[in-house]
Each structure stands twice: as C-alpha cells, then as structure tokens.
Amino acid sequence: TAGLHFTPELLERIRAKGVEEHFVTLHVGAGTFLPVKADDTA
C-alpha cells in the first residue's frame, strides 16, 4: 500500500533528482490482515 501513493509524474520528479529505482517482488498474502492472537510476540 505504500506504493499506492506514487504517480508517473512523481516518479519522474524522483528520477530527475538522481535517485535510482529498483524492483523486487513479494506476493503479499491475506495473512497480512490476520490479527496477532498471542499474548506475547514470541
């Protein structure tokens, strides 16, 4: 969701600043929405 804020115009402005962009792939799963039910993080 952090990436939802980017537009083509914003990316162009960032490139013009001399900032590189690189891509990785992580397929986000539904587990990201699961609550932490344990009392301790361990």
ModelCIF file with pLDDT and N, C-alpha, C, O atoms, coordinates in Angstrom:
data_MODEL
#
_entry.id   MODEL 
#
_entity.id                         1 
_entity.type                       polymer 
_entity.pdbx_number_of_molecules   1 
#
_entity_poly.entity_id                      1 
_entity_poly.type                           'polypeptide(L)' 
_entity_poly.nstd_linkage                   no 
_entity_poly.nstd_monomer                   no 
_entity_poly.pdbx_seq_one_letter_code       TAGLHFTPELLERIRAKGVEEHFVTLHVGAGTFLPVKADDTA 
_entity_poly.pdbx_seq_one_letter_code_can   TAGLHFTPELLERIRAKGVEEHFVTLHVGAGTFLPVKADDTA 
_entity_poly.pdbx_strand_id                 A 
#
loop_
_entity_poly_seq.entity_id 
_entity_poly_seq.num 
_entity_poly_seq.mon_id 
_entity_poly_seq.hetero 
1 1  THR n 
1 2  ALA n 
1 3  GLY n 
1 4  LEU n 
1 5  HIS n 
1 6  PHE n 
1 7  THR n 
1 8  PRO n 
1 9  GLU n 
1 10 LEU n 
1 11 LEU n 
1 12 GLU n 
1 13 ARG n 
1 14 ILE n 
1 15 ARG n 
1 16 ALA n 
1 17 LYS n 
1 18 GLY n 
1 19 VAL n 
1 20 GLU n 
1 21 GLU n 
1 22 HIS n 
1 23 PHE n 
1 24 VAL n 
1 25 THR n 
1 26 LEU n 
1 27 HIS n 
1 28 VAL n 
1 29 GLY n 
1 30 ALA n 
1 31 GLY n 
1 32 THR n 
1 33 PHE n 
1 34 LEU n 
1 35 PRO n 
1 36 VAL n 
1 37 LYS n 
1 38 ALA n 
1 39 ASP n 
1 40 ASP n 
1 41 THR n 
1 42 ALA n 
#
_struct_asym.id          A 
_struct_asym.entity_id   1 
#
loop_
_ma_qa_metric.id 
_ma_qa_metric.mode 
_ma_qa_metric.name 
_ma_qa_metric.software_group_id 
_ma_qa_metric.type 
1 global pLDDT . pLDDT 
2 local  pLDDT . pLDDT 
#
_ma_qa_metric_global.metric_id      1 
_ma_qa_metric_global.metric_value   91.52 
_ma_qa_metric_global.model_id       1 
_ma_qa_metric_global.ordinal_id     1 
#
loop_
_ma_qa_metric_local.label_asym_id 
_ma_qa_metric_local.label_comp_id 
_ma_qa_metric_local.label_seq_id 
_ma_qa_metric_local.metric_id 
_ma_qa_metric_local.metric_value 
_ma_qa_metric_local.model_id 
_ma_qa_metric_local.ordinal_id 
A THR 1  2 96.00 1 1  
A ALA 2  2 98.00 1 2  
A GLY 3  2 98.00 1 3  
A LEU 4  2 98.00 1 4  
A HIS 5  2 98.00 1 5  
A PHE 6  2 98.00 1 6  
A THR 7  2 98.00 1 7  
A PRO 8  2 98.00 1 8  
A GLU 9  2 98.00 1 9  
A LEU 10 2 98.00 1 10 
A LEU 11 2 98.00 1 11 
A GLU 12 2 98.00 1 12 
A ARG 13 2 98.00 1 13 
A ILE 14 2 98.00 1 14 
A ARG 15 2 97.00 1 15 
A ALA 16 2 97.00 1 16 
A LYS 17 2 96.00 1 17 
A GLY 18 2 97.00 1 18 
A VAL 19 2 98.00 1 19 
A GLU 20 2 98.00 1 20 
A GLU 21 2 98.00 1 21 
A HIS 22 2 98.00 1 22 
A PHE 23 2 98.00 1 23 
A VAL 24 2 98.00 1 24 
A THR 25 2 98.00 1 25 
A LEU 26 2 96.00 1 26 
A HIS 27 2 93.00 1 27 
A VAL 28 2 90.00 1 28 
A GLY 29 2 80.00 1 29 
A ALA 30 2 68.00 1 30 
A GLY 31 2 67.00 1 31 
A THR 32 2 68.00 1 32 
A PHE 33 2 66.00 1 33 
A LEU 34 2 69.00 1 34 
A PRO 35 2 71.00 1 35 
A VAL 36 2 85.00 1 36 
A LYS 37 2 86.00 1 37 
A ALA 38 2 90.00 1 38 
A ASP 39 2 93.00 1 39 
A ASP 40 2 95.00 1 40 
A THR 41 2 92.00 1 41 
A ALA 42 2 92.00 1 42 
#
loop_
_atom_site.group_PDB 
_atom_site.id 
_atom_site.type_symbol 
_atom_site.label_atom_id 
_atom_site.label_alt_id 
_atom_site.label_comp_id 
_atom_site.label_asym_id 
_atom_site.label_entity_id 
_atom_site.label_seq_id 
_atom_site.pdbx_PDB_ins_code 
_atom_site.Cartn_x 
_atom_site.Cartn_y 
_atom_site.Cartn_z 
_atom_site.occupancy 
_atom_site.B_iso_or_equiv 
_atom_site.pdbx_formal_charge 
_atom_site.auth_seq_id 
_atom_site.auth_comp_id 
_atom_site.auth_asym_id 
_atom_site.auth_atom_id 
_atom_site.pdbx_PDB_model_num 
ATOM 1   N N  . THR A 1 1  ? 0.784  -1.234  0.000   1.00 96.00 ? 1  THR A N  1 
ATOM 2   C CA . THR A 1 1  ? 0.000  0.000   0.000   1.00 96.00 ? 1  THR A CA 1 
ATOM 3   C C  . THR A 1 1  ? 0.818  1.287   0.000   1.00 96.00 ? 1  THR A C  1 
ATOM 4   O O  . THR A 1 1  ? 0.309  2.317   -0.443  1.00 96.00 ? 1  THR A O  1 
ATOM 5   N N  . ALA A 1 2  ? 2.051  1.274   0.473   1.00 98.00 ? 2  ALA A N  1 
ATOM 6   C CA . ALA A 1 2  ? 2.858  2.491   0.386   1.00 98.00 ? 2  ALA A CA 1 
ATOM 7   C C  . ALA A 1 2  ? 3.048  2.911   -1.065  1.00 98.00 ? 2  ALA A C  1 
ATOM 8   O O  . ALA A 1 2  ? 3.147  4.100   -1.366  1.00 98.00 ? 2  ALA A O  1 
ATOM 9   N N  . GLY A 1 3  ? 3.097  1.935   -1.957  1.00 98.00 ? 3  GLY A N  1 
ATOM 10  C CA . GLY A 1 3  ? 3.286  2.221   -3.367  1.00 98.00 ? 3  GLY A CA 1 
ATOM 11  C C  . GLY A 1 3  ? 2.069  2.829   -4.036  1.00 98.00 ? 3  GLY A C  1 
ATOM 12  O O  . GLY A 1 3  ? 2.184  3.371   -5.136  1.00 98.00 ? 3  GLY A O  1 
ATOM 13  N N  . LEU A 1 4  ? 0.903  2.755   -3.402  1.00 98.00 ? 4  LEU A N  1 
ATOM 14  C CA . LEU A 1 4  ? -0.304 3.318   -3.995  1.00 98.00 ? 4  LEU A CA 1 
ATOM 15  C C  . LEU A 1 4  ? -0.229 4.833   -4.127  1.00 98.00 ? 4  LEU A C  1 
ATOM 16  O O  . LEU A 1 4  ? -1.008 5.421   -4.877  1.00 98.00 ? 4  LEU A O  1 
ATOM 17  N N  . HIS A 1 5  ? 0.694  5.478   -3.414  1.00 98.00 ? 5  HIS A N  1 
ATOM 18  C CA . HIS A 1 5  ? 0.795  6.938   -3.438  1.00 98.00 ? 5  HIS A CA 1 
ATOM 19  C C  . HIS A 1 5  ? 1.542  7.473   -4.655  1.00 98.00 ? 5  HIS A C  1 
ATOM 20  O O  . HIS A 1 5  ? 1.533  8.679   -4.900  1.00 98.00 ? 5  HIS A O  1 
ATOM 21  N N  . PHE A 1 6  ? 2.186  6.601   -5.416  1.00 98.00 ? 6  PHE A N  1 
ATOM 22  C CA . PHE A 1 6  ? 3.049  7.067   -6.497  1.00 98.00 ? 6  PHE A CA 1 
ATOM 23  C C  . PHE A 1 6  ? 2.271  7.232   -7.797  1.00 98.00 ? 6  PHE A C  1 
ATOM 24  O O  . PHE A 1 6  ? 1.407  6.425   -8.139  1.00 98.00 ? 6  PHE A O  1 
ATOM 25  N N  . THR A 1 7  ? 2.607  8.301   -8.508  1.00 98.00 ? 7  THR A N  1 
ATOM 26  C CA . THR A 1 7  ? 2.062  8.585   -9.827  1.00 98.00 ? 7  THR A CA 1 
ATOM 27  C C  . THR A 1 7  ? 3.220  8.613   -10.824 1.00 98.00 ? 7  THR A C  1 
ATOM 28  O O  . THR A 1 7  ? 4.370  8.763   -10.409 1.00 98.00 ? 7  THR A O  1 
ATOM 29  N N  . PRO A 1 8  ? 2.957  8.475   -12.113 1.00 98.00 ? 8  PRO A N  1 
ATOM 30  C CA . PRO A 1 8  ? 4.045  8.596   -13.098 1.00 98.00 ? 8  PRO A CA 1 
ATOM 31  C C  . PRO A 1 8  ? 4.782  9.925   -12.990 1.00 98.00 ? 8  PRO A C  1 
ATOM 32  O O  . PRO A 1 8  ? 5.997  9.981   -13.178 1.00 98.00 ? 8  PRO A O  1 
ATOM 33  N N  . GLU A 1 9  ? 4.049  10.992  -12.688 1.00 98.00 ? 9  GLU A N  1 
ATOM 34  C CA . GLU A 1 9  ? 4.678  12.307  -12.572 1.00 98.00 ? 9  GLU A CA 1 
ATOM 35  C C  . GLU A 1 9  ? 5.617  12.374  -11.374 1.00 98.00 ? 9  GLU A C  1 
ATOM 36  O O  . GLU A 1 9  ? 6.709  12.932  -11.471 1.00 98.00 ? 9  GLU A O  1 
ATOM 37  N N  . LEU A 1 10 ? 5.197  11.811  -10.253 1.00 98.00 ? 10 LEU A N  1 
ATOM 38  C CA . LEU A 1 10 ? 6.052  11.800  -9.065  1.00 98.00 ? 10 LEU A CA 1 
ATOM 39  C C  . LEU A 1 10 ? 7.305  10.972  -9.316  1.00 98.00 ? 10 LEU A C  1 
ATOM 40  O O  . LEU A 1 10 ? 8.396  11.363  -8.902  1.00 98.00 ? 10 LEU A O  1 
ATOM 41  N N  . LEU A 1 11 ? 7.167  9.855   -9.976  1.00 98.00 ? 11 LEU A N  1 
ATOM 42  C CA . LEU A 1 11 ? 8.330  9.020   -10.291 1.00 98.00 ? 11 LEU A CA 1 
ATOM 43  C C  . LEU A 1 11 ? 9.315  9.766   -11.186 1.00 98.00 ? 11 LEU A C  1 
ATOM 44  O O  . LEU A 1 11 ? 10.527 9.639   -11.015 1.00 98.00 ? 11 LEU A O  1 
ATOM 45  N N  . GLU A 1 12 ? 8.803  10.539  -12.133 1.00 98.00 ? 12 GLU A N  1 
ATOM 46  C CA . GLU A 1 12 ? 9.682  11.320  -12.998 1.00 98.00 ? 12 GLU A CA 1 
ATOM 47  C C  . GLU A 1 12 ? 10.451 12.362  -12.200 1.00 98.00 ? 12 GLU A C  1 
ATOM 48  O O  . GLU A 1 12 ? 11.641 12.565  -12.443 1.00 98.00 ? 12 GLU A O  1 
ATOM 49  N N  . ARG A 1 13 ? 9.805  13.020  -11.262 1.00 98.00 ? 13 ARG A N  1 
ATOM 50  C CA . ARG A 1 13 ? 10.473 14.020  -10.429 1.00 98.00 ? 13 ARG A CA 1 
ATOM 51  C C  . ARG A 1 13 ? 11.557 13.377  -9.564  1.00 98.00 ? 13 ARG A C  1 
ATOM 52  O O  . ARG A 1 13 ? 12.606 13.976  -9.328  1.00 98.00 ? 13 ARG A O  1 
ATOM 53  N N  . ILE A 1 14 ? 11.302 12.184  -9.104  1.00 98.00 ? 14 ILE A N  1 
ATOM 54  C CA . ILE A 1 14 ? 12.295 11.475  -8.283  1.00 98.00 ? 14 ILE A CA 1 
ATOM 55  C C  . ILE A 1 14 ? 13.504 11.086  -9.135  1.00 98.00 ? 14 ILE A C  1 
ATOM 56  O O  . ILE A 1 14 ? 14.645 11.237  -8.697  1.00 98.00 ? 14 ILE A O  1 
ATOM 57  N N  . ARG A 1 15 ? 13.261 10.590  -10.340 1.00 97.00 ? 15 ARG A N  1 
ATOM 58  C CA . ARG A 1 15 ? 14.370 10.237  -11.235 1.00 97.00 ? 15 ARG A CA 1 
ATOM 59  C C  . ARG A 1 15 ? 15.209 11.472  -11.560 1.00 97.00 ? 15 ARG A C  1 
ATOM 60  O O  . ARG A 1 15 ? 16.436 11.396  -11.622 1.00 97.00 ? 15 ARG A O  1 
ATOM 61  N N  . ALA A 1 16 ? 14.538 12.617  -11.770 1.00 97.00 ? 16 ALA A N  1 
ATOM 62  C CA . ALA A 1 16 ? 15.250 13.850  -12.103 1.00 97.00 ? 16 ALA A CA 1 
ATOM 63  C C  . ALA A 1 16 ? 16.166 14.302  -10.966 1.00 97.00 ? 16 ALA A C  1 
ATOM 64  O O  . ALA A 1 16 ? 17.110 15.061  -11.188 1.00 97.00 ? 16 ALA A O  1 
ATOM 65  N N  . LYS A 1 17 ? 15.886 13.837  -9.758  1.00 96.00 ? 17 LYS A N  1 
ATOM 66  C CA . LYS A 1 17 ? 16.719 14.177  -8.597  1.00 96.00 ? 17 LYS A CA 1 
ATOM 67  C C  . LYS A 1 17 ? 17.983 13.325  -8.548  1.00 96.00 ? 17 LYS A C  1 
ATOM 68  O O  . LYS A 1 17 ? 18.859 13.568  -7.717  1.00 96.00 ? 17 LYS A O  1 
ATOM 69  N N  . GLY A 1 18 ? 18.089 12.329  -9.429  1.00 97.00 ? 18 GLY A N  1 
ATOM 70  C CA . GLY A 1 18 ? 19.247 11.443  -9.420  1.00 97.00 ? 18 GLY A CA 1 
ATOM 71  C C  . GLY A 1 18 ? 19.084 10.262  -8.485  1.00 97.00 ? 18 GLY A C  1 
ATOM 72  O O  . GLY A 1 18 ? 20.067 9.662   -8.051  1.00 97.00 ? 18 GLY A O  1 
ATOM 73  N N  . VAL A 1 19 ? 17.836 9.929   -8.176  1.00 98.00 ? 19 VAL A N  1 
ATOM 74  C CA . VAL A 1 19 ? 17.532 8.803   -7.285  1.00 98.00 ? 19 VAL A CA 1 
ATOM 75  C C  . VAL A 1 19 ? 17.222 7.574   -8.142  1.00 98.00 ? 19 VAL A C  1 
ATOM 76  O O  . VAL A 1 19 ? 16.429 7.649   -9.081  1.00 98.00 ? 19 VAL A O  1 
ATOM 77  N N  . GLU A 1 20 ? 17.846 6.453   -7.815  1.00 98.00 ? 20 GLU A N  1 
ATOM 78  C CA . GLU A 1 20 ? 17.600 5.209   -8.540  1.00 98.00 ? 20 GLU A CA 1 
ATOM 79  C C  . GLU A 1 20 ? 16.298 4.563   -8.073  1.00 98.00 ? 20 GLU A C  1 
ATOM 80  O O  . GLU A 1 20 ? 15.823 4.817   -6.967  1.00 98.00 ? 20 GLU A O  1 
ATOM 81  N N  . GLU A 1 21 ? 15.736 3.726   -8.934  1.00 98.00 ? 21 GLU A N  1 
ATOM 82  C CA . GLU A 1 21 ? 14.595 2.911   -8.534  1.00 98.00 ? 21 GLU A CA 1 
ATOM 83  C C  . GLU A 1 21 ? 14.883 1.461   -8.901  1.00 98.00 ? 21 GLU A C  1 
ATOM 84  O O  . GLU A 1 21 ? 15.355 1.161   -9.997  1.00 98.00 ? 21 GLU A O  1 
ATOM 85  N N  . HIS A 1 22 ? 14.590 0.575   -7.963  1.00 98.00 ? 22 HIS A N  1 
ATOM 86  C CA . HIS A 1 22 ? 14.816 -0.851  -8.169  1.00 98.00 ? 22 HIS A CA 1 
ATOM 87  C C  . HIS A 1 22 ? 13.570 -1.610  -7.722  1.00 98.00 ? 22 HIS A C  1 
ATOM 88  O O  . HIS A 1 22 ? 12.824 -1.156  -6.854  1.00 98.00 ? 22 HIS A O  1 
ATOM 89  N N  . PHE A 1 23 ? 13.364 -2.773  -8.333  1.00 98.00 ? 23 PHE A N  1 
ATOM 90  C CA . PHE A 1 23 ? 12.143 -3.528  -8.084  1.00 98.00 ? 23 PHE A CA 1 
ATOM 91  C C  . PHE A 1 23 ? 12.452 -4.923  -7.555  1.00 98.00 ? 23 PHE A C  1 
ATOM 92  O O  . PHE A 1 23 ? 13.350 -5.612  -8.040  1.00 98.00 ? 23 PHE A O  1 
ATOM 93  N N  . VAL A 1 24 ? 11.689 -5.310  -6.555  1.00 98.00 ? 24 VAL A N  1 
ATOM 94  C CA . VAL A 1 24 ? 11.680 -6.679  -6.049  1.00 98.00 ? 24 VAL A CA 1 
ATOM 95  C C  . VAL A 1 24 ? 10.234 -7.156  -6.105  1.00 98.00 ? 24 VAL A C  1 
ATOM 96  O O  . VAL A 1 24 ? 9.321  -6.363  -6.337  1.00 98.00 ? 24 VAL A O  1 
ATOM 97  N N  . THR A 1 25 ? 10.032 -8.441  -5.895  1.00 98.00 ? 25 THR A N  1 
ATOM 98  C CA . THR A 1 25 ? 8.674  -8.983  -5.918  1.00 98.00 ? 25 THR A CA 1 
ATOM 99  C C  . THR A 1 25 ? 8.412  -9.770  -4.646  1.00 98.00 ? 25 THR A C  1 
ATOM 100 O O  . THR A 1 25 ? 9.115  -10.735 -4.345  1.00 98.00 ? 25 THR A O  1 
ATOM 101 N N  . LEU A 1 26 ? 7.398  -9.354  -3.902  1.00 96.00 ? 26 LEU A N  1 
ATOM 102 C CA . LEU A 1 26 ? 6.902  -10.142 -2.770  1.00 96.00 ? 26 LEU A CA 1 
ATOM 103 C C  . LEU A 1 26 ? 5.390  -10.195 -2.907  1.00 96.00 ? 26 LEU A C  1 
ATOM 104 O O  . LEU A 1 26 ? 4.714  -9.169  -2.822  1.00 96.00 ? 26 LEU A O  1 
ATOM 105 N N  . HIS A 1 27 ? 4.863  -11.395 -3.120  1.00 93.00 ? 27 HIS A N  1 
ATOM 106 C CA . HIS A 1 27 ? 3.426  -11.555 -3.285  1.00 93.00 ? 27 HIS A CA 1 
ATOM 107 C C  . HIS A 1 27 ? 2.752  -11.527 -1.911  1.00 93.00 ? 27 HIS A C  1 
ATOM 108 O O  . HIS A 1 27 ? 2.797  -12.495 -1.151  1.00 93.00 ? 27 HIS A O  1 
ATOM 109 N N  . VAL A 1 28 ? 2.131  -10.393 -1.624  1.00 90.00 ? 28 VAL A N  1 
ATOM 110 C CA . VAL A 1 28 ? 1.527  -10.176 -0.310  1.00 90.00 ? 28 VAL A CA 1 
ATOM 111 C C  . VAL A 1 28 ? 0.347  -11.125 -0.141  1.00 90.00 ? 28 VAL A C  1 
ATOM 112 O O  . VAL A 1 28 ? -0.500 -11.233 -1.028  1.00 90.00 ? 28 VAL A O  1 
ATOM 113 N N  . GLY A 1 29 ? 0.291  -11.817 1.002   1.00 80.00 ? 29 GLY A N  1 
ATOM 114 C CA . GLY A 1 29 ? -0.777 -12.767 1.266   1.00 80.00 ? 29 GLY A CA 1 
ATOM 115 C C  . GLY A 1 29 ? -1.823 -12.212 2.209   1.00 80.00 ? 29 GLY A C  1 
ATOM 116 O O  . GLY A 1 29 ? -1.621 -11.178 2.845   1.00 80.00 ? 29 GLY A O  1 
ATOM 117 N N  . ALA A 1 30 ? -2.953 -12.915 2.291   1.00 68.00 ? 30 ALA A N  1 
ATOM 118 C CA . ALA A 1 30 ? -4.040 -12.490 3.171   1.00 68.00 ? 30 ALA A CA 1 
ATOM 119 C C  . ALA A 1 30 ? -3.635 -12.562 4.640   1.00 68.00 ? 30 ALA A C  1 
ATOM 120 O O  . ALA A 1 30 ? -4.283 -11.956 5.493   1.00 68.00 ? 30 ALA A O  1 
ATOM 121 N N  . GLY A 1 31 ? -2.573 -13.298 4.936   1.00 67.00 ? 31 GLY A N  1 
ATOM 122 C CA . GLY A 1 31 ? -2.093 -13.376 6.311   1.00 67.00 ? 31 GLY A CA 1 
ATOM 123 C C  . GLY A 1 31 ? -1.688 -12.029 6.875   1.00 67.00 ? 31 GLY A C  1 
ATOM 124 O O  . GLY A 1 31 ? -1.601 -11.858 8.091   1.00 67.00 ? 31 GLY A O  1 
ATOM 125 N N  . THR A 1 32 ? -1.436 -11.061 5.981   1.00 68.00 ? 32 THR A N  1 
ATOM 126 C CA . THR A 1 32 ? -1.048 -9.725  6.456   1.00 68.00 ? 32 THR A CA 1 
ATOM 127 C C  . THR A 1 32 ? -2.163 -9.074  7.258   1.00 68.00 ? 32 THR A C  1 
ATOM 128 O O  . THR A 1 32 ? -1.900 -8.171  8.053   1.00 68.00 ? 32 THR A O  1 
ATOM 129 N N  . PHE A 1 33 ? -3.418 -9.518  7.065   1.00 66.00 ? 33 PHE A N  1 
ATOM 130 C CA . PHE A 1 33 ? -4.544 -8.937  7.779   1.00 66.00 ? 33 PHE A CA 1 
ATOM 131 C C  . PHE A 1 33 ? -4.929 -9.720  9.030   1.00 66.00 ? 33 PHE A C  1 
ATOM 132 O O  . PHE A 1 33 ? -5.803 -9.294  9.784   1.00 66.00 ? 33 PHE A O  1 
ATOM 133 N N  . LEU A 1 34 ? -4.282 -10.862 9.253   1.00 69.00 ? 34 LEU A N  1 
ATOM 134 C CA . LEU A 1 34 ? -4.649 -11.675 10.414  1.00 69.00 ? 34 LEU A CA 1 
ATOM 135 C C  . LEU A 1 34 ? -4.203 -11.001 11.706  1.00 69.00 ? 34 LEU A C  1 
ATOM 136 O O  . LEU A 1 34 ? -3.075 -10.514 11.789  1.00 69.00 ? 34 LEU A O  1 
ATOM 137 N N  . PRO A 1 35 ? -5.066 -10.964 12.710  1.00 71.00 ? 35 PRO A N  1 
ATOM 138 C CA . PRO A 1 35 ? -4.677 -10.356 13.983  1.00 71.00 ? 35 PRO A CA 1 
ATOM 139 C C  . PRO A 1 35 ? -3.665 -11.213 14.726  1.00 71.00 ? 35 PRO A C  1 
ATOM 140 O O  . PRO A 1 35 ? -3.586 -12.425 14.527  1.00 71.00 ? 35 PRO A O  1 
ATOM 141 N N  . VAL A 1 36 ? -2.898 -10.563 15.581  1.00 85.00 ? 36 VAL A N  1 
ATOM 142 C CA . VAL A 1 36 ? -1.977 -11.292 16.452  1.00 85.00 ? 36 VAL A CA 1 
ATOM 143 C C  . VAL A 1 36 ? -2.777 -11.732 17.669  1.00 85.00 ? 36 VAL A C  1 
ATOM 144 O O  . VAL A 1 36 ? -3.149 -10.907 18.504  1.00 85.00 ? 36 VAL A O  1 
ATOM 145 N N  . LYS A 1 37 ? -3.039 -13.018 17.770  1.00 86.00 ? 37 LYS A N  1 
ATOM 146 C CA . LYS A 1 37 ? -3.880 -13.528 18.848  1.00 86.00 ? 37 LYS A CA 1 
ATOM 147 C C  . LYS A 1 37 ? -3.082 -13.909 20.086  1.00 86.00 ? 37 LYS A C  1 
ATOM 148 O O  . LYS A 1 37 ? -3.646 -14.047 21.172  1.00 86.00 ? 37 LYS A O  1 
ATOM 149 N N  . ALA A 1 38 ? -1.778 -14.078 19.930  1.00 90.00 ? 38 ALA A N  1 
ATOM 150 C CA . ALA A 1 38 ? -0.941 -14.449 21.072  1.00 90.00 ? 38 ALA A CA 1 
ATOM 151 C C  . ALA A 1 38 ? -0.805 -13.269 22.029  1.00 90.00 ? 38 ALA A C  1 
ATOM 152 O O  . ALA A 1 38 ? -0.979 -12.116 21.635  1.00 90.00 ? 38 ALA A O  1 
ATOM 153 N N  . ASP A 1 39 ? -0.494 -13.567 23.283  1.00 93.00 ? 39 ASP A N  1 
ATOM 154 C CA . ASP A 1 39 ? -0.267 -12.510 24.278  1.00 93.00 ? 39 ASP A CA 1 
ATOM 155 C C  . ASP A 1 39 ? 1.158  -11.998 24.223  1.00 93.00 ? 39 ASP A C  1 
ATOM 156 O O  . ASP A 1 39 ? 1.441  -10.882 24.658  1.00 93.00 ? 39 ASP A O  1 
ATOM 157 N N  . ASP A 1 40 ? 2.062  -12.821 23.684  1.00 95.00 ? 40 ASP A N  1 
ATOM 158 C CA . ASP A 1 40 ? 3.469  -12.448 23.600  1.00 95.00 ? 40 ASP A CA 1 
ATOM 159 C C  . ASP A 1 40 ? 3.929  -12.623 22.159  1.00 95.00 ? 40 ASP A C  1 
ATOM 160 O O  . ASP A 1 40 ? 3.534  -13.577 21.489  1.00 95.00 ? 40 ASP A O  1 
ATOM 161 N N  . THR A 1 41 ? 4.761  -11.703 21.685  1.00 92.00 ? 41 THR A N  1 
ATOM 162 C CA . THR A 1 41 ? 5.218  -11.770 20.291  1.00 92.00 ? 41 THR A CA 1 
ATOM 163 C C  . THR A 1 41 ? 5.969  -13.067 20.005  1.00 92.00 ? 41 THR A C  1 
ATOM 164 O O  . THR A 1 41 ? 5.972  -13.542 18.869  1.00 92.00 ? 41 THR A O  1 
ATOM 165 N N  . ALA A 1 42 ? 6.598  -13.640 21.014  1.00 92.00 ? 42 ALA A N  1 
ATOM 166 C CA . ALA A 1 42 ? 7.368  -14.872 20.814  1.00 92.00 ? 42 ALA A CA 1 
ATOM 167 C C  . ALA A 1 42 ? 6.484  -16.043 20.422  1.00 92.00 ? 42 ALA A C  1 
ATOM 168 O O  . ALA A 1 42 ? 6.981  -17.151 20.217  1.00 92.00 ? 42 ALA A O  1 
#
